[in-house]
């Protein structure tokens, strides 16, 4: 077995965000596969969190009393639809 520098995702750290750290050690192929799965899950969760933040920041655009014109509201609705359809990106530019 070889020594490799890997990114380790610590999901059992308790509260808060999972922590990613880099360390160099000898790992088995099973550990490497498990680590790759954990890292992929962490990246996907980070992207989903970003998408949720983008959706939350423009909720106001769909409220009945928003100051937007109908065409602007439709542009924001289309933007929000794309965000919901692409949970891990790439995401479009916000409408103006």
C-alpha atoms as a PDB file:
ATOM      1  CA  UNK A   1       0.000   0.000   0.000  1.00  0.00           C
ATOM      2  CA  UNK A   2       1.131   3.491  -0.769  1.00  0.00           C
ATOM      3  CA  UNK A   3       1.069   6.673   1.233  1.00  0.00           C
ATOM      4  CA  UNK A   4      -1.308   9.157  -0.302  1.00  0.00           C
ATOM      5  CA  UNK A   5      -2.361  12.679   0.468  1.00  0.00           C
ATOM      6  CA  UNK A   6      -6.119  12.630   0.759  1.00  0.00           C
ATOM      7  CA  UNK A   7      -8.954  14.955   1.686  1.00  0.00           C
ATOM      8  CA  UNK A   8     -10.738  13.582   4.740  1.00  0.00           C
ATOM      9  CA  UNK A   9     -14.336  14.543   5.418  1.00  0.00           C
ATOM     10  CA  UNK A  10     -15.184  14.413   9.106  1.00  0.00           C
ATOM     11  CA  UNK A  11     -18.976  14.151   9.238  1.00  0.00           C
ATOM     12  CA  UNK A  12     -19.076  12.907  12.827  1.00  0.00           C
ATOM     13  CA  UNK A  13     -17.658  16.119  14.280  1.00  0.00           C
ATOM     14  CA  UNK A  14     -21.000  16.985  15.823  1.00  0.00           C
ATOM     15  CA  UNK A  15     -22.780  20.235  15.145  1.00  0.00           C
ATOM     16  CA  UNK A  16     -22.116  22.499  12.237  1.00  0.00           C
ATOM     17  CA  UNK A  17     -20.627  21.938   8.846  1.00  0.00           C
ATOM     18  CA  UNK A  18     -18.614  18.823   8.059  1.00  0.00           C
ATOM     19  CA  UNK A  19     -14.907  19.539   8.132  1.00  0.00           C
ATOM     20  CA  UNK A  20     -12.560  18.721   5.295  1.00  0.00           C
ATOM     21  CA  UNK A  21      -8.899  18.384   6.045  1.00  0.00           C
ATOM     22  CA  UNK A  22      -5.909  17.104   4.171  1.00  0.00           C
ATOM     23  CA  UNK A  23      -3.666  14.438   5.594  1.00  0.00           C
ATOM     24  CA  UNK A  24      -1.043  12.047   4.391  1.00  0.00           C
ATOM     25  CA  UNK A  25      -1.273   8.419   5.460  1.00  0.00           C
ATOM     26  CA  UNK A  26      -1.474   4.830   4.287  1.00  0.00           C
ATOM     27  CA  UNK A  27      -5.009   3.856   3.328  1.00  0.00           C
ATOM     28  CA  UNK A  28      -6.637   0.703   2.042  1.00  0.00           C
ATOM     29  CA  UNK A  29      -8.570   0.668  -1.235  1.00  0.00           C
ATOM     30  CA  UNK A  30     -11.785   0.348   0.799  1.00  0.00           C
ATOM     31  CA  UNK A  31     -10.915   3.444   2.826  1.00  0.00           C
ATOM     32  CA  UNK A  32     -10.073   5.315  -0.350  1.00  0.00           C
ATOM     33  CA  UNK A  33     -13.425   4.397  -1.914  1.00  0.00           C
ATOM     34  CA  UNK A  34     -15.316   5.366   1.250  1.00  0.00           C
ATOM     35  CA  UNK A  35     -13.434   8.653   1.446  1.00  0.00           C
ATOM     36  CA  UNK A  36     -14.221   9.417  -2.204  1.00  0.00           C
ATOM     37  CA  UNK A  37     -17.936   8.796  -1.527  1.00  0.00           C
ATOM     38  CA  UNK A  38     -17.858  11.037   1.554  1.00  0.00           C
ATOM     39  CA  UNK A  39     -16.099  13.813  -0.339  1.00  0.00           C
ATOM     40  CA  UNK A  40     -18.598  13.599  -3.228  1.00  0.00           C
ATOM     41  CA  UNK A  41     -21.507  13.762  -0.769  1.00  0.00           C
ATOM     42  CA  UNK A  42     -19.931  16.774   0.946  1.00  0.00           C
ATOM     43  CA  UNK A  43     -19.496  18.595  -2.367  1.00  0.00           C
ATOM     44  CA  UNK A  44     -23.072  17.855  -3.391  1.00  0.00           C
ATOM     45  CA  UNK A  45     -24.399  19.074  -0.024  1.00  0.00           C
ATOM     46  CA  UNK A  46     -22.371  22.272  -0.372  1.00  0.00           C
ATOM     47  CA  UNK A  47     -23.830  22.914  -3.834  1.00  0.00           C
ATOM     48  CA  UNK A  48     -27.357  22.197  -2.633  1.00  0.00           C
ATOM     49  CA  UNK A  49     -26.851  24.633   0.236  1.00  0.00           C
ATOM     50  CA  UNK A  50     -25.727  27.299  -2.237  1.00  0.00           C
ATOM     51  CA  UNK A  51     -28.813  26.654  -4.366  1.00  0.00           C
ATOM     52  CA  UNK A  52     -31.103  26.929  -1.340  1.00  0.00           C
ATOM     53  CA  UNK A  53     -29.449  30.209  -0.415  1.00  0.00           C
ATOM     54  CA  UNK A  54     -29.999  31.542  -3.941  1.00  0.00           C
ATOM     55  CA  UNK A  55     -33.656  30.495  -3.866  1.00  0.00           C
ATOM     56  CA  UNK A  56     -34.229  31.987  -0.423  1.00  0.00           C
ATOM     57  CA  UNK A  57     -32.677  35.300  -1.374  1.00  0.00           C
ATOM     58  CA  UNK A  58     -35.224  35.846  -4.139  1.00  0.00           C
ATOM     59  CA  UNK A  59     -38.404  34.530  -2.496  1.00  0.00           C
ATOM     60  CA  UNK A  60     -39.664  38.105  -2.263  1.00  0.00           C
ATOM     61  CA  UNK A  61     -39.866  38.334  -6.065  1.00  0.00           C
ATOM     62  CA  UNK A  62     -42.847  35.968  -6.131  1.00  0.00           C
ATOM     63  CA  UNK A  63     -44.900  37.615  -3.405  1.00  0.00           C
ATOM     64  CA  UNK A  64     -48.113  39.299  -4.559  1.00  0.00           C
ATOM     65  CA  UNK A  65     -47.062  42.666  -3.140  1.00  0.00           C
ATOM     66  CA  UNK A  66     -43.560  42.736  -4.674  1.00  0.00           C
ATOM     67  CA  UNK A  67     -42.760  45.945  -6.579  1.00  0.00           C
ATOM     68  CA  UNK A  68     -41.825  44.034  -9.750  1.00  0.00           C
ATOM     69  CA  UNK A  69     -43.609  44.382 -13.062  1.00  0.00           C
ATOM     70  CA  UNK A  70     -45.207  41.202 -14.483  1.00  0.00           C
ATOM     71  CA  UNK A  71     -42.355  40.678 -16.978  1.00  0.00           C
ATOM     72  CA  UNK A  72     -39.764  41.026 -14.213  1.00  0.00           C
ATOM     73  CA  UNK A  73     -41.670  38.621 -11.983  1.00  0.00           C
ATOM     74  CA  UNK A  74     -41.799  36.122 -14.868  1.00  0.00           C
ATOM     75  CA  UNK A  75     -38.014  36.434 -15.347  1.00  0.00           C
ATOM     76  CA  UNK A  76     -37.437  35.719 -11.660  1.00  0.00           C
ATOM     77  CA  UNK A  77     -39.875  32.788 -11.793  1.00  0.00           C
ATOM     78  CA  UNK A  78     -37.912  31.314 -14.724  1.00  0.00           C
ATOM     79  CA  UNK A  79     -34.641  31.820 -12.828  1.00  0.00           C
ATOM     80  CA  UNK A  80     -36.083  30.054  -9.778  1.00  0.00           C
ATOM     81  CA  UNK A  81     -37.336  27.177 -11.946  1.00  0.00           C
ATOM     82  CA  UNK A  82     -33.813  26.652 -13.312  1.00  0.00           C
ATOM     83  CA  UNK A  83     -32.418  26.647  -9.771  1.00  0.00           C
ATOM     84  CA  UNK A  84     -34.931  23.995  -8.723  1.00  0.00           C
ATOM     85  CA  UNK A  85     -34.206  21.906 -11.833  1.00  0.00           C
ATOM     86  CA  UNK A  86     -30.412  22.034 -11.337  1.00  0.00           C
ATOM     87  CA  UNK A  87     -29.741  21.239  -7.671  1.00  0.00           C
ATOM     88  CA  UNK A  88     -25.977  21.122  -8.161  1.00  0.00           C
ATOM     89  CA  UNK A  89     -25.491  23.803 -10.830  1.00  0.00           C
ATOM     90  CA  UNK A  90     -24.482  25.347 -13.103  1.00  0.00           C
ATOM     91  CA  UNK A  91     -26.778  28.209 -12.260  1.00  0.00           C
ATOM     92  CA  UNK A  92     -27.868  31.157 -14.395  1.00  0.00           C
ATOM     93  CA  UNK A  93     -27.248  34.815 -13.708  1.00  0.00           C
ATOM     94  CA  UNK A  94     -29.876  36.554 -11.610  1.00  0.00           C
ATOM     95  CA  UNK A  95     -32.372  38.612 -13.620  1.00  0.00           C
ATOM     96  CA  UNK A  96     -32.101  42.374 -13.377  1.00  0.00           C
END
